[in-house]
């Protein structure tokens, strides 16, 4: 195993899925994934001597160190909006979120903008991907994200 670049996460955790999607979007295949097998452990990223713990710090680290493709927005107001969306999505995963009605309220925005916060893929979309319903009305959004991830690889 390559110990110089690895990503440790809880098996089947929402945060693990989010960070795995970010690594894929950024084409960072240098990271060895290691499942810790527990649900309570925060994700960790070790990158050549630098260790980052926690979902948001890992996302920010990856964006700063590996800026292409950019998965955040540049304007401070827009960047804050992406972060607020990601924070809300993460916190609601532990409080019983995802009432279908709440998610379905996003559909008009998604149909107009293609993505959650902007007209491009951001962390907000990658945070939403693991929890979007399997219903057909969500197929267009799931396909838009998967297309972006496919083009990134």
N, C-alpha and C. Protein backbone atom coordinates (compact mmCIF):
# COMPACT_ATOMS: atom_id res chain seq x y z
N UNK A 1 0.84 -1.19 0.00
CA UNK A 1 0.00 0.00 0.00
C UNK A 1 0.88 1.24 0.00
N UNK A 2 0.46 2.22 -0.75
CA UNK A 2 1.18 3.49 -0.80
C UNK A 2 0.77 4.33 0.40
N UNK A 3 1.68 4.49 1.36
CA UNK A 3 1.36 5.25 2.57
C UNK A 3 1.53 6.75 2.38
N UNK A 4 2.07 7.18 1.26
CA UNK A 4 2.31 8.61 1.09
C UNK A 4 1.06 9.36 0.67
N UNK A 5 0.09 8.67 0.10
CA UNK A 5 -1.16 9.33 -0.30
C UNK A 5 -2.30 8.34 -0.09
N UNK A 6 -3.08 8.57 0.97
CA UNK A 6 -4.19 7.65 1.22
C UNK A 6 -5.38 8.38 1.82
N UNK A 7 -6.53 7.74 1.70
CA UNK A 7 -7.78 8.28 2.16
C UNK A 7 -8.44 7.22 3.02
N UNK A 8 -8.62 7.52 4.30
CA UNK A 8 -9.23 6.60 5.26
C UNK A 8 -10.64 7.09 5.57
N UNK A 9 -11.61 6.21 5.45
CA UNK A 9 -12.99 6.61 5.67
C UNK A 9 -13.79 5.48 6.29
N UNK A 10 -14.93 5.81 6.84
CA UNK A 10 -15.82 4.82 7.42
C UNK A 10 -16.57 4.10 6.30
N UNK A 11 -16.67 2.81 6.42
CA UNK A 11 -17.35 2.02 5.41
C UNK A 11 -18.78 2.52 5.21
N UNK A 12 -19.16 2.74 3.99
CA UNK A 12 -20.52 3.14 3.60
C UNK A 12 -20.97 4.47 4.21
N UNK A 13 -20.06 5.32 4.61
CA UNK A 13 -20.47 6.60 5.18
C UNK A 13 -20.76 7.61 4.08
N UNK A 14 -21.65 8.53 4.38
CA UNK A 14 -21.97 9.60 3.43
C UNK A 14 -20.72 10.41 3.11
N UNK A 15 -19.95 10.78 4.15
CA UNK A 15 -18.75 11.58 3.93
C UNK A 15 -17.74 10.85 3.06
N UNK A 16 -17.61 9.54 3.27
CA UNK A 16 -16.70 8.75 2.44
C UNK A 16 -17.11 8.79 0.98
N UNK A 17 -18.42 8.66 0.72
CA UNK A 17 -18.90 8.72 -0.66
C UNK A 17 -18.64 10.09 -1.28
N UNK A 18 -18.88 11.14 -0.51
CA UNK A 18 -18.66 12.51 -1.00
C UNK A 18 -17.19 12.70 -1.38
N UNK A 19 -16.29 12.34 -0.49
CA UNK A 19 -14.86 12.56 -0.77
C UNK A 19 -14.39 11.66 -1.90
N UNK A 20 -14.89 10.43 -1.98
CA UNK A 20 -14.54 9.56 -3.10
C UNK A 20 -14.98 10.19 -4.42
N UNK A 21 -16.16 10.80 -4.45
CA UNK A 21 -16.63 11.47 -5.66
C UNK A 21 -15.75 12.67 -6.02
N UNK A 22 -15.29 13.40 -5.01
CA UNK A 22 -14.40 14.54 -5.25
C UNK A 22 -13.07 14.06 -5.82
N UNK A 23 -12.51 13.00 -5.22
CA UNK A 23 -11.25 12.45 -5.73
C UNK A 23 -11.41 12.01 -7.19
N UNK A 24 -12.55 11.41 -7.50
CA UNK A 24 -12.81 10.98 -8.87
C UNK A 24 -12.93 12.18 -9.81
N UNK A 25 -13.69 13.19 -9.40
CA UNK A 25 -13.88 14.38 -10.23
C UNK A 25 -12.56 15.09 -10.50
N UNK A 26 -11.67 15.06 -9.52
CA UNK A 26 -10.37 15.73 -9.66
C UNK A 26 -9.31 14.80 -10.25
N UNK A 27 -9.70 13.58 -10.60
CA UNK A 27 -8.80 12.60 -11.19
C UNK A 27 -7.60 12.32 -10.30
N UNK A 28 -7.84 12.25 -9.01
CA UNK A 28 -6.77 12.00 -8.04
C UNK A 28 -6.72 10.51 -7.72
N UNK A 29 -6.17 9.76 -8.63
CA UNK A 29 -6.07 8.31 -8.46
C UNK A 29 -4.86 7.91 -7.64
N UNK A 30 -4.12 8.90 -7.17
CA UNK A 30 -2.92 8.63 -6.37
C UNK A 30 -3.26 8.21 -4.94
N UNK A 31 -4.50 8.44 -4.52
CA UNK A 31 -4.89 8.13 -3.15
C UNK A 31 -5.37 6.69 -3.04
N UNK A 32 -4.79 5.95 -2.11
CA UNK A 32 -5.24 4.60 -1.82
C UNK A 32 -6.39 4.71 -0.82
N UNK A 33 -7.52 4.09 -1.14
CA UNK A 33 -8.68 4.14 -0.25
C UNK A 33 -8.59 3.01 0.76
N UNK A 34 -8.82 3.34 2.03
CA UNK A 34 -8.78 2.35 3.10
C UNK A 34 -10.04 2.53 3.92
N UNK A 35 -10.90 1.51 3.92
CA UNK A 35 -12.12 1.57 4.72
C UNK A 35 -11.79 1.18 6.14
N UNK A 36 -12.21 2.01 7.10
CA UNK A 36 -11.92 1.74 8.50
C UNK A 36 -12.90 0.75 9.12
N UNK A 37 -14.02 0.51 8.46
CA UNK A 37 -14.99 -0.45 8.95
C UNK A 37 -15.86 0.04 10.09
N UNK A 38 -15.70 1.30 10.51
CA UNK A 38 -16.55 1.84 11.57
C UNK A 38 -17.29 3.06 11.05
N UNK A 39 -18.43 3.36 11.67
CA UNK A 39 -19.22 4.50 11.22
C UNK A 39 -18.90 5.78 11.98
N UNK A 40 -18.23 5.69 13.12
CA UNK A 40 -18.03 6.88 13.95
C UNK A 40 -16.75 7.63 13.61
N UNK A 41 -15.87 7.05 12.86
CA UNK A 41 -14.57 7.67 12.58
C UNK A 41 -14.71 8.74 11.49
N UNK A 42 -14.12 9.91 11.76
CA UNK A 42 -14.12 10.96 10.75
C UNK A 42 -13.18 10.57 9.61
N UNK A 43 -13.50 11.01 8.38
CA UNK A 43 -12.59 10.70 7.29
C UNK A 43 -11.24 11.40 7.49
N UNK A 44 -10.20 10.74 7.01
CA UNK A 44 -8.83 11.28 7.09
C UNK A 44 -8.20 11.20 5.71
N UNK A 45 -7.42 12.20 5.39
CA UNK A 45 -6.68 12.20 4.14
C UNK A 45 -5.22 12.43 4.49
N UNK A 46 -4.36 11.55 4.04
CA UNK A 46 -2.92 11.72 4.22
C UNK A 46 -2.32 11.94 2.85
N UNK A 47 -1.62 13.05 2.71
CA UNK A 47 -1.05 13.41 1.41
C UNK A 47 0.41 13.80 1.59
N UNK A 48 1.29 12.82 1.41
CA UNK A 48 2.73 13.05 1.48
C UNK A 48 3.14 13.82 2.73
N UNK A 49 2.73 13.32 3.89
CA UNK A 49 3.14 13.93 5.15
C UNK A 49 2.14 14.89 5.75
N UNK A 50 1.15 15.31 4.99
CA UNK A 50 0.11 16.19 5.52
C UNK A 50 -1.13 15.34 5.80
N UNK A 51 -1.64 15.43 7.03
CA UNK A 51 -2.86 14.71 7.39
C UNK A 51 -3.96 15.71 7.66
N UNK A 52 -5.12 15.49 7.03
CA UNK A 52 -6.27 16.36 7.18
C UNK A 52 -7.42 15.49 7.67
N UNK A 53 -8.12 15.95 8.72
CA UNK A 53 -9.21 15.17 9.32
C UNK A 53 -10.50 15.98 9.23
N UNK A 54 -11.56 15.33 8.78
CA UNK A 54 -12.87 15.97 8.70
C UNK A 54 -13.25 16.28 7.26
N UNK A 55 -14.52 16.16 6.97
CA UNK A 55 -15.00 16.30 5.60
C UNK A 55 -14.73 17.67 5.00
N UNK A 56 -15.18 18.73 5.65
CA UNK A 56 -15.01 20.08 5.08
C UNK A 56 -13.53 20.44 4.96
N UNK A 57 -12.71 20.20 5.99
CA UNK A 57 -11.28 20.48 5.82
C UNK A 57 -10.65 19.70 4.66
N UNK A 58 -11.07 18.44 4.46
CA UNK A 58 -10.53 17.66 3.35
C UNK A 58 -10.96 18.27 2.02
N UNK A 59 -12.23 18.65 1.90
CA UNK A 59 -12.70 19.27 0.64
C UNK A 59 -11.91 20.54 0.34
N UNK A 60 -11.72 21.37 1.36
CA UNK A 60 -11.00 22.63 1.16
C UNK A 60 -9.53 22.36 0.81
N UNK A 61 -8.92 21.40 1.48
CA UNK A 61 -7.53 21.05 1.19
C UNK A 61 -7.38 20.59 -0.26
N UNK A 62 -8.26 19.67 -0.68
CA UNK A 62 -8.18 19.16 -2.05
C UNK A 62 -8.38 20.27 -3.08
N UNK A 63 -9.28 21.18 -2.79
CA UNK A 63 -9.55 22.28 -3.73
C UNK A 63 -8.34 23.22 -3.80
N UNK A 64 -7.71 23.48 -2.66
CA UNK A 64 -6.55 24.38 -2.66
C UNK A 64 -5.32 23.73 -3.29
N UNK A 65 -5.08 22.47 -2.96
CA UNK A 65 -3.86 21.81 -3.46
C UNK A 65 -4.02 21.31 -4.89
N UNK A 66 -5.21 20.88 -5.25
CA UNK A 66 -5.48 20.34 -6.59
C UNK A 66 -6.64 21.12 -7.20
N UNK A 67 -6.39 22.32 -7.68
CA UNK A 67 -7.47 23.22 -8.08
C UNK A 67 -8.20 22.88 -9.39
N UNK A 68 -7.71 21.90 -10.12
CA UNK A 68 -8.35 21.59 -11.41
C UNK A 68 -8.89 20.18 -11.39
N UNK A 69 -10.14 19.97 -11.80
CA UNK A 69 -11.10 21.03 -12.10
C UNK A 69 -11.60 21.69 -10.81
N UNK A 70 -11.96 22.92 -10.93
CA UNK A 70 -12.46 23.69 -9.79
C UNK A 70 -13.85 23.18 -9.40
N UNK A 71 -14.01 22.79 -8.15
CA UNK A 71 -15.31 22.29 -7.67
C UNK A 71 -15.96 23.25 -6.69
N UNK A 72 -15.44 24.45 -6.61
CA UNK A 72 -16.05 25.48 -5.79
C UNK A 72 -16.25 26.70 -6.68
N UNK A 73 -16.87 27.69 -6.16
CA UNK A 73 -17.07 28.92 -6.92
C UNK A 73 -16.09 29.96 -6.42
N UNK A 74 -15.83 30.97 -7.22
CA UNK A 74 -14.78 31.92 -6.89
C UNK A 74 -15.24 33.09 -6.04
N UNK A 75 -16.42 33.58 -6.28
CA UNK A 75 -16.92 34.72 -5.51
C UNK A 75 -17.21 34.30 -4.08
N UNK A 76 -16.83 35.12 -3.10
CA UNK A 76 -17.05 34.74 -1.70
C UNK A 76 -18.51 34.39 -1.38
N UNK A 77 -19.46 35.13 -1.92
CA UNK A 77 -20.88 34.83 -1.65
C UNK A 77 -21.25 33.46 -2.19
N UNK A 78 -20.80 33.16 -3.42
CA UNK A 78 -21.10 31.87 -4.04
C UNK A 78 -20.40 30.73 -3.32
N UNK A 79 -19.16 30.96 -2.93
CA UNK A 79 -18.38 29.96 -2.20
C UNK A 79 -19.07 29.64 -0.87
N UNK A 80 -19.55 30.67 -0.19
CA UNK A 80 -20.27 30.47 1.08
C UNK A 80 -21.54 29.66 0.85
N UNK A 81 -22.24 29.93 -0.25
CA UNK A 81 -23.46 29.20 -0.56
C UNK A 81 -23.17 27.71 -0.76
N UNK A 82 -22.10 27.39 -1.48
CA UNK A 82 -21.72 25.99 -1.68
C UNK A 82 -21.42 25.34 -0.33
N UNK A 83 -20.64 26.03 0.50
CA UNK A 83 -20.27 25.46 1.80
C UNK A 83 -21.50 25.27 2.69
N UNK A 84 -22.41 26.25 2.69
CA UNK A 84 -23.63 26.12 3.50
C UNK A 84 -24.45 24.91 3.03
N UNK A 85 -24.54 24.73 1.73
CA UNK A 85 -25.30 23.60 1.21
C UNK A 85 -24.66 22.28 1.64
N UNK A 86 -23.34 22.18 1.51
CA UNK A 86 -22.64 20.95 1.90
C UNK A 86 -22.80 20.72 3.40
N UNK A 87 -22.63 21.75 4.22
CA UNK A 87 -22.80 21.61 5.67
C UNK A 87 -24.20 21.13 6.02
N UNK A 88 -25.21 21.72 5.39
CA UNK A 88 -26.59 21.33 5.67
C UNK A 88 -26.84 19.88 5.26
N UNK A 89 -26.32 19.51 4.11
CA UNK A 89 -26.51 18.13 3.65
C UNK A 89 -25.85 17.15 4.60
N UNK A 90 -24.64 17.45 5.04
CA UNK A 90 -23.94 16.57 5.99
C UNK A 90 -24.70 16.50 7.31
N UNK A 91 -25.10 17.64 7.85
CA UNK A 91 -25.77 17.62 9.16
C UNK A 91 -27.12 16.92 9.09
N UNK A 92 -27.82 17.06 7.99
CA UNK A 92 -29.13 16.42 7.88
C UNK A 92 -29.02 14.92 7.68
N UNK A 93 -27.88 14.44 7.25
CA UNK A 93 -27.69 13.00 7.12
C UNK A 93 -27.78 12.32 8.49
N UNK A 94 -27.50 13.07 9.55
CA UNK A 94 -27.51 12.50 10.90
C UNK A 94 -28.75 12.88 11.68
N UNK A 95 -29.62 13.66 11.09
CA UNK A 95 -30.84 14.05 11.79
C UNK A 95 -32.09 13.58 11.05
N UNK A 96 -31.92 12.68 10.11
CA UNK A 96 -33.06 12.12 9.41
C UNK A 96 -33.57 12.97 8.28
N UNK A 97 -32.70 13.58 7.53
CA UNK A 97 -33.01 14.45 6.40
C UNK A 97 -33.75 13.72 5.31
N UNK A 98 -33.67 14.36 4.25
CA UNK A 98 -34.08 13.82 2.98
C UNK A 98 -35.54 13.49 2.93
N UNK A 99 -36.36 14.33 3.50
CA UNK A 99 -37.76 14.18 3.19
C UNK A 99 -37.83 14.39 1.68
N UNK A 100 -38.53 13.52 1.04
CA UNK A 100 -38.63 13.61 -0.42
C UNK A 100 -39.14 14.99 -0.82
N UNK A 101 -40.04 15.57 -0.03
CA UNK A 101 -40.58 16.89 -0.39
C UNK A 101 -39.49 17.96 -0.38
N UNK A 102 -38.54 17.87 0.58
CA UNK A 102 -37.44 18.83 0.62
C UNK A 102 -36.55 18.70 -0.60
N UNK A 103 -36.24 17.46 -0.95
CA UNK A 103 -35.40 17.23 -2.12
C UNK A 103 -36.13 17.63 -3.40
N UNK A 104 -37.40 17.28 -3.49
CA UNK A 104 -38.17 17.61 -4.69
C UNK A 104 -38.31 19.12 -4.87
N UNK A 105 -38.20 19.89 -3.79
CA UNK A 105 -38.25 21.35 -3.90
C UNK A 105 -37.06 21.88 -4.69
N UNK A 106 -35.99 21.10 -4.78
CA UNK A 106 -34.81 21.51 -5.55
C UNK A 106 -34.99 21.30 -7.06
N UNK A 107 -35.95 20.49 -7.45
CA UNK A 107 -36.10 20.14 -8.87
C UNK A 107 -36.21 21.34 -9.80
N UNK A 108 -37.02 22.36 -9.50
CA UNK A 108 -37.09 23.51 -10.43
C UNK A 108 -35.74 24.22 -10.60
N UNK A 109 -34.99 24.34 -9.51
CA UNK A 109 -33.66 24.96 -9.59
C UNK A 109 -32.74 24.13 -10.46
N UNK A 110 -32.76 22.82 -10.25
CA UNK A 110 -31.89 21.93 -11.01
C UNK A 110 -32.24 21.92 -12.49
N UNK A 111 -33.52 21.97 -12.79
CA UNK A 111 -33.93 21.96 -14.21
C UNK A 111 -33.52 23.26 -14.90
N UNK A 112 -33.49 24.35 -14.16
CA UNK A 112 -33.10 25.64 -14.74
C UNK A 112 -31.58 25.77 -14.83
N UNK A 113 -30.87 25.42 -13.76
CA UNK A 113 -29.42 25.65 -13.69
C UNK A 113 -28.57 24.44 -14.05
N UNK A 114 -29.16 23.26 -14.10
CA UNK A 114 -28.48 21.99 -14.33
C UNK A 114 -27.82 21.45 -13.07
N UNK A 115 -27.29 22.33 -12.22
CA UNK A 115 -26.66 21.90 -10.98
C UNK A 115 -27.24 22.70 -9.81
N UNK A 116 -26.90 22.34 -8.58
CA UNK A 116 -27.55 22.90 -7.39
C UNK A 116 -27.31 24.40 -7.21
N UNK A 117 -26.06 24.81 -7.20
CA UNK A 117 -25.73 26.18 -6.84
C UNK A 117 -25.35 27.03 -8.05
N UNK A 118 -24.90 26.40 -9.11
CA UNK A 118 -24.40 27.14 -10.27
C UNK A 118 -24.67 26.33 -11.53
N UNK A 119 -24.17 26.82 -12.64
CA UNK A 119 -24.34 26.09 -13.89
C UNK A 119 -23.16 25.14 -14.14
N UNK A 120 -22.41 24.85 -13.08
CA UNK A 120 -21.30 23.90 -13.18
C UNK A 120 -21.29 23.01 -11.94
N UNK A 121 -20.63 21.90 -12.07
CA UNK A 121 -20.51 20.94 -10.97
C UNK A 121 -19.71 21.56 -9.82
N UNK A 122 -20.24 21.45 -8.59
CA UNK A 122 -19.55 21.93 -7.40
C UNK A 122 -19.63 20.86 -6.31
N UNK A 123 -18.98 21.14 -5.18
CA UNK A 123 -19.07 20.25 -4.02
C UNK A 123 -20.53 20.02 -3.62
N UNK A 124 -21.37 21.02 -3.82
CA UNK A 124 -22.78 20.90 -3.43
C UNK A 124 -23.44 19.74 -4.17
N UNK A 125 -23.16 19.60 -5.45
CA UNK A 125 -23.74 18.50 -6.23
C UNK A 125 -23.18 17.16 -5.78
N UNK A 126 -21.88 17.12 -5.51
CA UNK A 126 -21.28 15.86 -5.07
C UNK A 126 -21.77 15.46 -3.69
N UNK A 127 -22.17 16.44 -2.87
CA UNK A 127 -22.76 16.14 -1.57
C UNK A 127 -24.17 15.59 -1.73
N UNK A 128 -24.88 16.07 -2.72
CA UNK A 128 -26.26 15.64 -2.93
C UNK A 128 -26.34 14.28 -3.62
N UNK A 129 -25.36 13.95 -4.43
CA UNK A 129 -25.40 12.72 -5.25
C UNK A 129 -25.74 11.46 -4.46
N UNK A 130 -25.10 11.19 -3.31
CA UNK A 130 -25.40 9.93 -2.62
C UNK A 130 -26.82 9.83 -2.05
N UNK A 131 -27.53 10.94 -1.95
CA UNK A 131 -28.85 10.88 -1.30
C UNK A 131 -30.02 11.18 -2.22
N UNK A 132 -29.76 11.46 -3.49
CA UNK A 132 -30.91 11.77 -4.36
C UNK A 132 -31.75 10.52 -4.55
N UNK A 133 -33.05 10.72 -4.61
CA UNK A 133 -33.95 9.57 -4.75
C UNK A 133 -33.72 8.83 -6.07
N UNK A 134 -34.10 7.56 -6.08
CA UNK A 134 -33.93 6.73 -7.27
C UNK A 134 -35.05 6.96 -8.30
N UNK A 135 -36.00 7.82 -7.98
CA UNK A 135 -37.14 8.03 -8.86
C UNK A 135 -36.71 8.63 -10.19
N UNK A 136 -37.48 8.32 -11.22
CA UNK A 136 -37.17 8.72 -12.59
C UNK A 136 -37.04 10.24 -12.75
N UNK A 137 -37.80 11.03 -11.97
CA UNK A 137 -37.73 12.49 -12.14
C UNK A 137 -36.34 13.03 -11.80
N UNK A 138 -35.52 12.23 -11.12
CA UNK A 138 -34.16 12.66 -10.78
C UNK A 138 -33.11 12.17 -11.77
N UNK A 139 -33.51 11.39 -12.78
CA UNK A 139 -32.55 10.82 -13.73
C UNK A 139 -31.71 11.87 -14.44
N UNK A 140 -32.32 12.99 -14.83
CA UNK A 140 -31.59 14.03 -15.57
C UNK A 140 -30.44 14.59 -14.73
N UNK A 141 -30.67 14.75 -13.45
CA UNK A 141 -29.66 15.33 -12.55
C UNK A 141 -28.54 14.31 -12.29
N UNK A 142 -28.95 13.08 -11.98
CA UNK A 142 -27.97 12.02 -11.74
C UNK A 142 -27.08 11.86 -12.97
N UNK A 143 -27.68 11.89 -14.17
CA UNK A 143 -26.93 11.75 -15.42
C UNK A 143 -25.97 12.93 -15.62
N UNK A 144 -26.40 14.15 -15.32
CA UNK A 144 -25.53 15.33 -15.48
C UNK A 144 -24.28 15.20 -14.61
N UNK A 145 -24.45 14.74 -13.37
CA UNK A 145 -23.30 14.58 -12.48
C UNK A 145 -22.41 13.43 -12.97
N UNK A 146 -23.03 12.31 -13.28
CA UNK A 146 -22.25 11.17 -13.73
C UNK A 146 -21.48 11.49 -15.01
N UNK A 147 -22.09 12.25 -15.91
CA UNK A 147 -21.39 12.68 -17.12
C UNK A 147 -20.16 13.50 -16.79
N UNK A 148 -20.30 14.43 -15.84
CA UNK A 148 -19.16 15.25 -15.43
C UNK A 148 -18.06 14.39 -14.81
N UNK A 149 -18.45 13.42 -13.99
CA UNK A 149 -17.46 12.53 -13.38
C UNK A 149 -16.79 11.65 -14.42
N UNK A 150 -17.57 11.21 -15.41
CA UNK A 150 -17.01 10.37 -16.46
C UNK A 150 -16.00 11.13 -17.30
N UNK A 151 -16.30 12.40 -17.63
CA UNK A 151 -15.38 13.21 -18.42
C UNK A 151 -14.12 13.55 -17.65
N UNK A 152 -14.23 13.52 -16.32
CA UNK A 152 -13.06 13.84 -15.49
C UNK A 152 -12.06 12.71 -15.46
N UNK A 153 -12.51 11.49 -15.76
CA UNK A 153 -11.59 10.35 -15.69
C UNK A 153 -10.97 10.03 -17.02
